Amino acid sequence: DGPALYNPDMAEKGEPEKAIRIIL
């Protein structure tokens, strides 16, 4: 129903704090 939960794109733009990913 909602947006994709995981975006596999390796490049992040913007602030480093928003680029942290934890995959469980």
mmCIF file of all heavy atoms, coordinates in Angstrom:
data_MODEL
# 
_entry.id   MODEL 
# 
loop_
_atom_site.group_PDB 
_atom_site.id 
_atom_site.type_symbol 
_atom_site.label_atom_id 
_atom_site.label_alt_id 
_atom_site.label_comp_id 
_atom_site.label_asym_id 
_atom_site.label_entity_id 
_atom_site.label_seq_id 
_atom_site.pdbx_PDB_ins_code 
_atom_site.Cartn_x 
_atom_site.Cartn_y 
_atom_site.Cartn_z 
_atom_site.occupancy 
_atom_site.B_iso_or_equiv 
_atom_site.pdbx_formal_charge 
_atom_site.auth_seq_id 
_atom_site.auth_comp_id 
_atom_site.auth_asym_id 
_atom_site.auth_atom_id 
_atom_site.pdbx_PDB_model_num 
ATOM 1   N N   . ASP A 1 1  ? 0.809  -1.211 0.000  1.00 0.00 ? 1  ASP A N   1 
ATOM 2   C CA  . ASP A 1 1  ? 0.000  0.000  0.000  1.00 0.00 ? 1  ASP A CA  1 
ATOM 3   C C   . ASP A 1 1  ? 0.846  1.266  0.000  1.00 0.00 ? 1  ASP A C   1 
ATOM 4   O O   . ASP A 1 1  ? 0.521  2.234  -0.659 1.00 0.00 ? 1  ASP A O   1 
ATOM 5   C CB  . ASP A 1 1  ? -0.923 0.017  1.226  1.00 0.00 ? 1  ASP A CB  1 
ATOM 6   C CG  . ASP A 1 1  ? -1.941 -1.109 1.158  1.00 0.00 ? 1  ASP A CG  1 
ATOM 7   O OD1 . ASP A 1 1  ? -2.231 -1.562 0.035  1.00 0.00 ? 1  ASP A OD1 1 
ATOM 8   O OD2 . ASP A 1 1  ? -2.431 -1.520 2.217  1.00 0.00 ? 1  ASP A OD2 1 
ATOM 9   N N   . GLY A 1 2  ? 1.923  1.269  0.768  1.00 0.00 ? 2  GLY A N   1 
ATOM 10  C CA  . GLY A 1 2  ? 2.729  2.482  0.923  1.00 0.00 ? 2  GLY A CA  1 
ATOM 11  C C   . GLY A 1 2  ? 3.940  2.510  0.011  1.00 0.00 ? 2  GLY A C   1 
ATOM 12  O O   . GLY A 1 2  ? 4.066  1.714  -0.917 1.00 0.00 ? 2  GLY A O   1 
ATOM 13  N N   . PRO A 1 3  ? 4.830  3.457  0.275  1.00 0.00 ? 3  PRO A N   1 
ATOM 14  C CA  . PRO A 1 3  ? 6.040  3.563  -0.534 1.00 0.00 ? 3  PRO A CA  1 
ATOM 15  C C   . PRO A 1 3  ? 6.979  2.381  -0.268 1.00 0.00 ? 3  PRO A C   1 
ATOM 16  O O   . PRO A 1 3  ? 6.821  1.656  0.700  1.00 0.00 ? 3  PRO A O   1 
ATOM 17  C CB  . PRO A 1 3  ? 6.666  4.882  -0.064 1.00 0.00 ? 3  PRO A CB  1 
ATOM 18  C CG  . PRO A 1 3  ? 6.155  5.066  1.316  1.00 0.00 ? 3  PRO A CG  1 
ATOM 19  C CD  . PRO A 1 3  ? 4.775  4.456  1.331  1.00 0.00 ? 3  PRO A CD  1 
ATOM 20  N N   . ALA A 1 4  ? 7.948  2.183  -1.143 1.00 0.00 ? 4  ALA A N   1 
ATOM 21  C CA  . ALA A 1 4  ? 8.920  1.108  -0.968 1.00 0.00 ? 4  ALA A CA  1 
ATOM 22  C C   . ALA A 1 4  ? 9.673  1.328  0.338  1.00 0.00 ? 4  ALA A C   1 
ATOM 23  O O   . ALA A 1 4  ? 10.071 2.451  0.659  1.00 0.00 ? 4  ALA A O   1 
ATOM 24  C CB  . ALA A 1 4  ? 9.888  1.086  -2.137 1.00 0.00 ? 4  ALA A CB  1 
ATOM 25  N N   . LEU A 1 5  ? 9.841  0.272  1.105  1.00 0.00 ? 5  LEU A N   1 
ATOM 26  C CA  . LEU A 1 5  ? 10.501 0.394  2.396  1.00 0.00 ? 5  LEU A CA  1 
ATOM 27  C C   . LEU A 1 5  ? 12.017 0.510  2.260  1.00 0.00 ? 5  LEU A C   1 
ATOM 28  O O   . LEU A 1 5  ? 12.673 1.062  3.112  1.00 0.00 ? 5  LEU A O   1 
ATOM 29  C CB  . LEU A 1 5  ? 10.157 -0.816 3.267  1.00 0.00 ? 5  LEU A CB  1 
ATOM 30  C CG  . LEU A 1 5  ? 8.687  -0.969 3.604  1.00 0.00 ? 5  LEU A CG  1 
ATOM 31  C CD1 . LEU A 1 5  ? 8.476  -2.232 4.415  1.00 0.00 ? 5  LEU A CD1 1 
ATOM 32  C CD2 . LEU A 1 5  ? 8.186  0.240  4.373  1.00 0.00 ? 5  LEU A CD2 1 
ATOM 33  N N   . TYR A 1 6  ? 12.561 -0.012 1.196  1.00 0.00 ? 6  TYR A N   1 
ATOM 34  C CA  . TYR A 1 6  ? 14.011 -0.010 1.041  1.00 0.00 ? 6  TYR A CA  1 
ATOM 35  C C   . TYR A 1 6  ? 14.378 0.528  -0.328 1.00 0.00 ? 6  TYR A C   1 
ATOM 36  O O   . TYR A 1 6  ? 13.892 0.062  -1.338 1.00 0.00 ? 6  TYR A O   1 
ATOM 37  C CB  . TYR A 1 6  ? 14.560 -1.432 1.206  1.00 0.00 ? 6  TYR A CB  1 
ATOM 38  C CG  . TYR A 1 6  ? 16.029 -1.523 0.935  1.00 0.00 ? 6  TYR A CG  1 
ATOM 39  C CD1 . TYR A 1 6  ? 16.947 -0.928 1.777  1.00 0.00 ? 6  TYR A CD1 1 
ATOM 40  C CD2 . TYR A 1 6  ? 16.500 -2.190 -0.189 1.00 0.00 ? 6  TYR A CD2 1 
ATOM 41  C CE1 . TYR A 1 6  ? 18.300 -1.003 1.517  1.00 0.00 ? 6  TYR A CE1 1 
ATOM 42  C CE2 . TYR A 1 6  ? 17.855 -2.275 -0.445 1.00 0.00 ? 6  TYR A CE2 1 
ATOM 43  C CZ  . TYR A 1 6  ? 18.741 -1.678 0.412  1.00 0.00 ? 6  TYR A CZ  1 
ATOM 44  O OH  . TYR A 1 6  ? 20.079 -1.755 0.154  1.00 0.00 ? 6  TYR A OH  1 
ATOM 45  N N   . ASN A 1 7  ? 15.236 1.519  -0.340 1.00 0.00 ? 7  ASN A N   1 
ATOM 46  C CA  . ASN A 1 7  ? 15.747 2.068  -1.584 1.00 0.00 ? 7  ASN A CA  1 
ATOM 47  C C   . ASN A 1 7  ? 17.200 1.605  -1.720 1.00 0.00 ? 7  ASN A C   1 
ATOM 48  O O   . ASN A 1 7  ? 18.053 2.010  -0.946 1.00 0.00 ? 7  ASN A O   1 
ATOM 49  C CB  . ASN A 1 7  ? 15.671 3.588  -1.571 1.00 0.00 ? 7  ASN A CB  1 
ATOM 50  C CG  . ASN A 1 7  ? 16.128 4.197  -2.871 1.00 0.00 ? 7  ASN A CG  1 
ATOM 51  O OD1 . ASN A 1 7  ? 16.569 3.486  -3.777 1.00 0.00 ? 7  ASN A OD1 1 
ATOM 52  N ND2 . ASN A 1 7  ? 16.046 5.505  -2.958 1.00 0.00 ? 7  ASN A ND2 1 
ATOM 53  N N   . PRO A 1 8  ? 17.505 0.753  -2.685 1.00 0.00 ? 8  PRO A N   1 
ATOM 54  C CA  . PRO A 1 8  ? 18.856 0.209  -2.800 1.00 0.00 ? 8  PRO A CA  1 
ATOM 55  C C   . PRO A 1 8  ? 19.879 1.174  -3.391 1.00 0.00 ? 8  PRO A C   1 
ATOM 56  O O   . PRO A 1 8  ? 21.030 0.808  -3.563 1.00 0.00 ? 8  PRO A O   1 
ATOM 57  C CB  . PRO A 1 8  ? 18.661 -0.995 -3.723 1.00 0.00 ? 8  PRO A CB  1 
ATOM 58  C CG  . PRO A 1 8  ? 17.492 -0.650 -4.537 1.00 0.00 ? 8  PRO A CG  1 
ATOM 59  C CD  . PRO A 1 8  ? 16.602 0.169  -3.650 1.00 0.00 ? 8  PRO A CD  1 
ATOM 60  N N   . ASP A 1 9  ? 19.501 2.388  -3.694 1.00 0.00 ? 9  ASP A N   1 
ATOM 61  C CA  . ASP A 1 9  ? 20.436 3.353  -4.254 1.00 0.00 ? 9  ASP A CA  1 
ATOM 62  C C   . ASP A 1 9  ? 21.572 3.582  -3.264 1.00 0.00 ? 9  ASP A C   1 
ATOM 63  O O   . ASP A 1 9  ? 21.346 3.848  -2.093 1.00 0.00 ? 9  ASP A O   1 
ATOM 64  C CB  . ASP A 1 9  ? 19.702 4.657  -4.556 1.00 0.00 ? 9  ASP A CB  1 
ATOM 65  C CG  . ASP A 1 9  ? 20.580 5.670  -5.252 1.00 0.00 ? 9  ASP A CG  1 
ATOM 66  O OD1 . ASP A 1 9  ? 21.694 5.314  -5.662 1.00 0.00 ? 9  ASP A OD1 1 
ATOM 67  O OD2 . ASP A 1 9  ? 20.144 6.821  -5.392 1.00 0.00 ? 9  ASP A OD2 1 
ATOM 68  N N   . MET A 1 10 ? 22.805 3.504  -3.738 1.00 0.00 ? 10 MET A N   1 
ATOM 69  C CA  . MET A 1 10 ? 23.975 3.637  -2.870 1.00 0.00 ? 10 MET A CA  1 
ATOM 70  C C   . MET A 1 10 ? 24.343 5.101  -2.608 1.00 0.00 ? 10 MET A C   1 
ATOM 71  O O   . MET A 1 10 ? 25.022 5.399  -1.651 1.00 0.00 ? 10 MET A O   1 
ATOM 72  C CB  . MET A 1 10 ? 25.177 2.922  -3.496 1.00 0.00 ? 10 MET A CB  1 
ATOM 73  C CG  . MET A 1 10 ? 24.938 1.443  -3.736 1.00 0.00 ? 10 MET A CG  1 
ATOM 74  S SD  . MET A 1 10 ? 24.526 0.538  -2.247 1.00 0.00 ? 10 MET A SD  1 
ATOM 75  C CE  . MET A 1 10 ? 26.137 0.360  -1.550 1.00 0.00 ? 10 MET A CE  1 
ATOM 76  N N   . ALA A 1 11 ? 23.927 5.998  -3.470 1.00 0.00 ? 11 ALA A N   1 
ATOM 77  C CA  . ALA A 1 11 ? 24.298 7.406  -3.334 1.00 0.00 ? 11 ALA A CA  1 
ATOM 78  C C   . ALA A 1 11 ? 23.254 8.134  -2.497 1.00 0.00 ? 11 ALA A C   1 
ATOM 79  O O   . ALA A 1 11 ? 22.070 8.014  -2.732 1.00 0.00 ? 11 ALA A O   1 
ATOM 80  C CB  . ALA A 1 11 ? 24.415 8.053  -4.706 1.00 0.00 ? 11 ALA A CB  1 
ATOM 81  N N   . GLU A 1 12 ? 23.724 8.881  -1.523 1.00 0.00 ? 12 GLU A N   1 
ATOM 82  C CA  . GLU A 1 12 ? 22.837 9.692  -0.699 1.00 0.00 ? 12 GLU A CA  1 
ATOM 83  C C   . GLU A 1 12 ? 23.205 11.149 -0.890 1.00 0.00 ? 12 GLU A C   1 
ATOM 84  O O   . GLU A 1 12 ? 24.366 11.500 -0.990 1.00 0.00 ? 12 GLU A O   1 
ATOM 85  C CB  . GLU A 1 12 ? 22.981 9.323  0.778  1.00 0.00 ? 12 GLU A CB  1 
ATOM 86  C CG  . GLU A 1 12 ? 22.260 8.071  1.172  1.00 0.00 ? 12 GLU A CG  1 
ATOM 87  C CD  . GLU A 1 12 ? 20.753 8.192  1.094  1.00 0.00 ? 12 GLU A CD  1 
ATOM 88  O OE1 . GLU A 1 12 ? 20.235 9.309  1.157  1.00 0.00 ? 12 GLU A OE1 1 
ATOM 89  O OE2 . GLU A 1 12 ? 20.097 7.170  0.960  1.00 0.00 ? 12 GLU A OE2 1 
ATOM 90  N N   . LYS A 1 13 ? 22.221 11.976 -0.915 1.00 0.00 ? 13 LYS A N   1 
ATOM 91  C CA  . LYS A 1 13 ? 22.438 13.404 -1.044 1.00 0.00 ? 13 LYS A CA  1 
ATOM 92  C C   . LYS A 1 13 ? 21.927 14.080 0.213  1.00 0.00 ? 13 LYS A C   1 
ATOM 93  O O   . LYS A 1 13 ? 20.948 13.655 0.787  1.00 0.00 ? 13 LYS A O   1 
ATOM 94  C CB  . LYS A 1 13 ? 21.709 13.931 -2.276 1.00 0.00 ? 13 LYS A CB  1 
ATOM 95  C CG  . LYS A 1 13 ? 22.230 13.339 -3.564 1.00 0.00 ? 13 LYS A CG  1 
ATOM 96  C CD  . LYS A 1 13 ? 21.091 13.213 -4.568 1.00 0.00 ? 13 LYS A CD  1 
ATOM 97  C CE  . LYS A 1 13 ? 21.498 12.386 -5.743 1.00 0.00 ? 13 LYS A CE  1 
ATOM 98  N NZ  . LYS A 1 13 ? 21.271 10.969 -5.581 1.00 0.00 ? 13 LYS A NZ  1 
ATOM 99  N N   . GLY A 1 14 ? 22.626 15.121 0.614  1.00 0.00 ? 14 GLY A N   1 
ATOM 100 C CA  . GLY A 1 14 ? 22.170 15.854 1.778  1.00 0.00 ? 14 GLY A CA  1 
ATOM 101 C C   . GLY A 1 14 ? 22.984 15.552 3.021  1.00 0.00 ? 14 GLY A C   1 
ATOM 102 O O   . GLY A 1 14 ? 24.171 15.258 2.952  1.00 0.00 ? 14 GLY A O   1 
ATOM 103 N N   . GLU A 1 15 ? 22.332 15.603 4.142  1.00 0.00 ? 15 GLU A N   1 
ATOM 104 C CA  . GLU A 1 15 ? 23.000 15.486 5.431  1.00 0.00 ? 15 GLU A CA  1 
ATOM 105 C C   . GLU A 1 15 ? 23.419 14.041 5.715  1.00 0.00 ? 15 GLU A C   1 
ATOM 106 O O   . GLU A 1 15 ? 22.675 13.100 5.449  1.00 0.00 ? 15 GLU A O   1 
ATOM 107 C CB  . GLU A 1 15 ? 22.062 15.970 6.530  1.00 0.00 ? 15 GLU A CB  1 
ATOM 108 C CG  . GLU A 1 15 ? 21.634 17.414 6.327  1.00 0.00 ? 15 GLU A CG  1 
ATOM 109 C CD  . GLU A 1 15 ? 20.449 17.787 7.192  1.00 0.00 ? 15 GLU A CD  1 
ATOM 110 O OE1 . GLU A 1 15 ? 20.094 17.011 8.094  1.00 0.00 ? 15 GLU A OE1 1 
ATOM 111 O OE2 . GLU A 1 15 ? 19.890 18.853 6.949  1.00 0.00 ? 15 GLU A OE2 1 
ATOM 112 N N   . PRO A 1 16 ? 24.625 13.838 6.291  1.00 0.00 ? 16 PRO A N   1 
ATOM 113 C CA  . PRO A 1 16 ? 25.098 12.479 6.574  1.00 0.00 ? 16 PRO A CA  1 
ATOM 114 C C   . PRO A 1 16 ? 24.213 11.720 7.557  1.00 0.00 ? 16 PRO A C   1 
ATOM 115 O O   . PRO A 1 16 ? 24.101 10.503 7.484  1.00 0.00 ? 16 PRO A O   1 
ATOM 116 C CB  . PRO A 1 16 ? 26.487 12.696 7.182  1.00 0.00 ? 16 PRO A CB  1 
ATOM 117 C CG  . PRO A 1 16 ? 26.882 14.068 6.834  1.00 0.00 ? 16 PRO A CG  1 
ATOM 118 C CD  . PRO A 1 16 ? 25.630 14.838 6.588  1.00 0.00 ? 16 PRO A CD  1 
ATOM 119 N N   . GLU A 1 17 ? 23.550 12.433 8.460  1.00 0.00 ? 17 GLU A N   1 
ATOM 120 C CA  . GLU A 1 17 ? 22.698 11.761 9.442  1.00 0.00 ? 17 GLU A CA  1 
ATOM 121 C C   . GLU A 1 17 ? 21.535 11.031 8.778  1.00 0.00 ? 17 GLU A C   1 
ATOM 122 O O   . GLU A 1 17 ? 21.040 10.040 9.293  1.00 0.00 ? 17 GLU A O   1 
ATOM 123 C CB  . GLU A 1 17 ? 22.132 12.774 10.464 1.00 0.00 ? 17 GLU A CB  1 
ATOM 124 C CG  . GLU A 1 17 ? 23.178 13.452 11.306 1.00 0.00 ? 17 GLU A CG  1 
ATOM 125 C CD  . GLU A 1 17 ? 23.769 14.673 10.627 1.00 0.00 ? 17 GLU A CD  1 
ATOM 126 O OE1 . GLU A 1 17 ? 23.126 15.277 9.747  1.00 0.00 ? 17 GLU A OE1 1 
ATOM 127 O OE2 . GLU A 1 17 ? 24.913 15.030 10.974 1.00 0.00 ? 17 GLU A OE2 1 
ATOM 128 N N   . LYS A 1 18 ? 21.093 11.524 7.639  1.00 0.00 ? 18 LYS A N   1 
ATOM 129 C CA  . LYS A 1 18 ? 19.983 10.913 6.943  1.00 0.00 ? 18 LYS A CA  1 
ATOM 130 C C   . LYS A 1 18 ? 20.420 9.754  6.040  1.00 0.00 ? 18 LYS A C   1 
ATOM 131 O O   . LYS A 1 18 ? 19.593 9.066  5.474  1.00 0.00 ? 18 LYS A O   1 
ATOM 132 C CB  . LYS A 1 18 ? 19.248 11.954 6.105  1.00 0.00 ? 18 LYS A CB  1 
ATOM 133 C CG  . LYS A 1 18 ? 18.576 13.010 6.972  1.00 0.00 ? 18 LYS A CG  1 
ATOM 134 C CD  . LYS A 1 18 ? 17.828 14.004 6.140  1.00 0.00 ? 18 LYS A CD  1 
ATOM 135 C CE  . LYS A 1 18 ? 17.173 15.037 7.056  1.00 0.00 ? 18 LYS A CE  1 
ATOM 136 N NZ  . LYS A 1 18 ? 16.492 16.068 6.297  1.00 0.00 ? 18 LYS A NZ  1 
ATOM 137 N N   . ALA A 1 19 ? 21.728 9.559  5.919  1.00 0.00 ? 19 ALA A N   1 
ATOM 138 C CA  . ALA A 1 19 ? 22.247 8.522  5.038  1.00 0.00 ? 19 ALA A CA  1 
ATOM 139 C C   . ALA A 1 19 ? 22.515 7.209  5.777  1.00 0.00 ? 19 ALA A C   1 
ATOM 140 O O   . ALA A 1 19 ? 22.904 6.232  5.168  1.00 0.00 ? 19 ALA A O   1 
ATOM 141 C CB  . ALA A 1 19 ? 23.535 9.003  4.383  1.00 0.00 ? 19 ALA A CB  1 
ATOM 142 N N   . ILE A 1 20 ? 22.311 7.171  7.066  1.00 0.00 ? 20 ILE A N   1 
ATOM 143 C CA  . ILE A 1 20 ? 22.568 5.959  7.848  1.00 0.00 ? 20 ILE A CA  1 
ATOM 144 C C   . ILE A 1 20 ? 21.446 4.948  7.609  1.00 0.00 ? 20 ILE A C   1 
ATOM 145 O O   . ILE A 1 20 ? 20.271 5.284  7.688  1.00 0.00 ? 20 ILE A O   1 
ATOM 146 C CB  . ILE A 1 20 ? 22.689 6.293  9.346  1.00 0.00 ? 20 ILE A CB  1 
ATOM 147 C CG1 . ILE A 1 20 ? 23.886 7.215  9.558  1.00 0.00 ? 20 ILE A CG1 1 
ATOM 148 C CG2 . ILE A 1 20 ? 22.815 5.026  10.165 1.00 0.00 ? 20 ILE A CG2 1 
ATOM 149 C CD1 . ILE A 1 20 ? 23.983 7.775  10.945 1.00 0.00 ? 20 ILE A CD1 1 
ATOM 150 N N   . ARG A 1 21 ? 21.836 3.724  7.316  1.00 0.00 ? 21 ARG A N   1 
ATOM 151 C CA  . ARG A 1 21 ? 20.848 2.661  7.067  1.00 0.00 ? 21 ARG A CA  1 
ATOM 152 C C   . ARG A 1 21 ? 21.132 1.499  7.989  1.00 0.00 ? 21 ARG A C   1 
ATOM 153 O O   . ARG A 1 21 ? 22.257 1.064  8.145  1.00 0.00 ? 21 ARG A O   1 
ATOM 154 C CB  . ARG A 1 21 ? 20.936 2.172  5.638  1.00 0.00 ? 21 ARG A CB  1 
ATOM 155 C CG  . ARG A 1 21 ? 20.588 3.225  4.631  1.00 0.00 ? 21 ARG A CG  1 
ATOM 156 C CD  . ARG A 1 21 ? 20.681 2.655  3.259  1.00 0.00 ? 21 ARG A CD  1 
ATOM 157 N NE  . ARG A 1 21 ? 20.424 3.693  2.291  1.00 0.00 ? 21 ARG A NE  1 
ATOM 158 C CZ  . ARG A 1 21 ? 20.300 3.496  0.999  1.00 0.00 ? 21 ARG A CZ  1 
ATOM 159 N NH1 . ARG A 1 21 ? 20.387 2.286  0.530  1.00 0.00 ? 21 ARG A NH1 1 
ATOM 160 N NH2 . ARG A 1 21 ? 20.088 4.476  0.192  1.00 0.00 ? 21 ARG A NH2 1 
ATOM 161 N N   . ILE A 1 22 ? 20.103 0.990  8.598  1.00 0.00 ? 22 ILE A N   1 
ATOM 162 C CA  . ILE A 1 22 ? 20.200 -0.205 9.432  1.00 0.00 ? 22 ILE A CA  1 
ATOM 163 C C   . ILE A 1 22 ? 19.252 -1.230 8.826  1.00 0.00 ? 22 ILE A C   1 
ATOM 164 O O   . ILE A 1 22 ? 18.055 -1.010 8.752  1.00 0.00 ? 22 ILE A O   1 
ATOM 165 C CB  . ILE A 1 22 ? 19.836 0.078  10.901 1.00 0.00 ? 22 ILE A CB  1 
ATOM 166 C CG1 . ILE A 1 22 ? 20.788 1.137  11.446 1.00 0.00 ? 22 ILE A CG1 1 
ATOM 167 C CG2 . ILE A 1 22 ? 19.868 -1.201 11.707 1.00 0.00 ? 22 ILE A CG2 1 
ATOM 168 C CD1 . ILE A 1 22 ? 20.423 1.630  12.817 1.00 0.00 ? 22 ILE A CD1 1 
ATOM 169 N N   . ILE A 1 23 ? 19.824 -2.347 8.387  1.00 0.00 ? 23 ILE A N   1 
ATOM 170 C CA  . ILE A 1 23 ? 19.017 -3.369 7.738  1.00 0.00 ? 23 ILE A CA  1 
ATOM 171 C C   . ILE A 1 23 ? 18.994 -4.589 8.650  1.00 0.00 ? 23 ILE A C   1 
ATOM 172 O O   . ILE A 1 23 ? 20.023 -5.147 9.002  1.00 0.00 ? 23 ILE A O   1 
ATOM 173 C CB  . ILE A 1 23 ? 19.608 -3.727 6.359  1.00 0.00 ? 23 ILE A CB  1 
ATOM 174 C CG1 . ILE A 1 23 ? 19.653 -2.452 5.512  1.00 0.00 ? 23 ILE A CG1 1 
ATOM 175 C CG2 . ILE A 1 23 ? 18.805 -4.816 5.696  1.00 0.00 ? 23 ILE A CG2 1 
ATOM 176 C CD1 . ILE A 1 23 ? 20.408 -2.598 4.229  1.00 0.00 ? 23 ILE A CD1 1 
ATOM 177 N N   . LEU A 1 24 ? 17.821 -4.995 9.039  1.00 0.00 ? 24 LEU A N   1 
ATOM 178 C CA  . LEU A 1 24 ? 17.643 -6.142 9.931  1.00 0.00 ? 24 LEU A CA  1 
ATOM 179 C C   . LEU A 1 24 ? 16.975 -7.283 9.174  1.00 0.00 ? 24 LEU A C   1 
ATOM 180 O O   . LEU A 1 24 ? 16.137 -7.068 8.302  1.00 0.00 ? 24 LEU A O   1 
ATOM 181 C CB  . LEU A 1 24 ? 16.788 -5.762 11.124 1.00 0.00 ? 24 LEU A CB  1 
ATOM 182 C CG  . LEU A 1 24 ? 17.315 -4.598 11.969 1.00 0.00 ? 24 LEU A CG  1 
ATOM 183 C CD1 . LEU A 1 24 ? 16.274 -4.201 13.004 1.00 0.00 ? 24 LEU A CD1 1 
ATOM 184 C CD2 . LEU A 1 24 ? 18.604 -4.986 12.653 1.00 0.00 ? 24 LEU A CD2 1 
# 
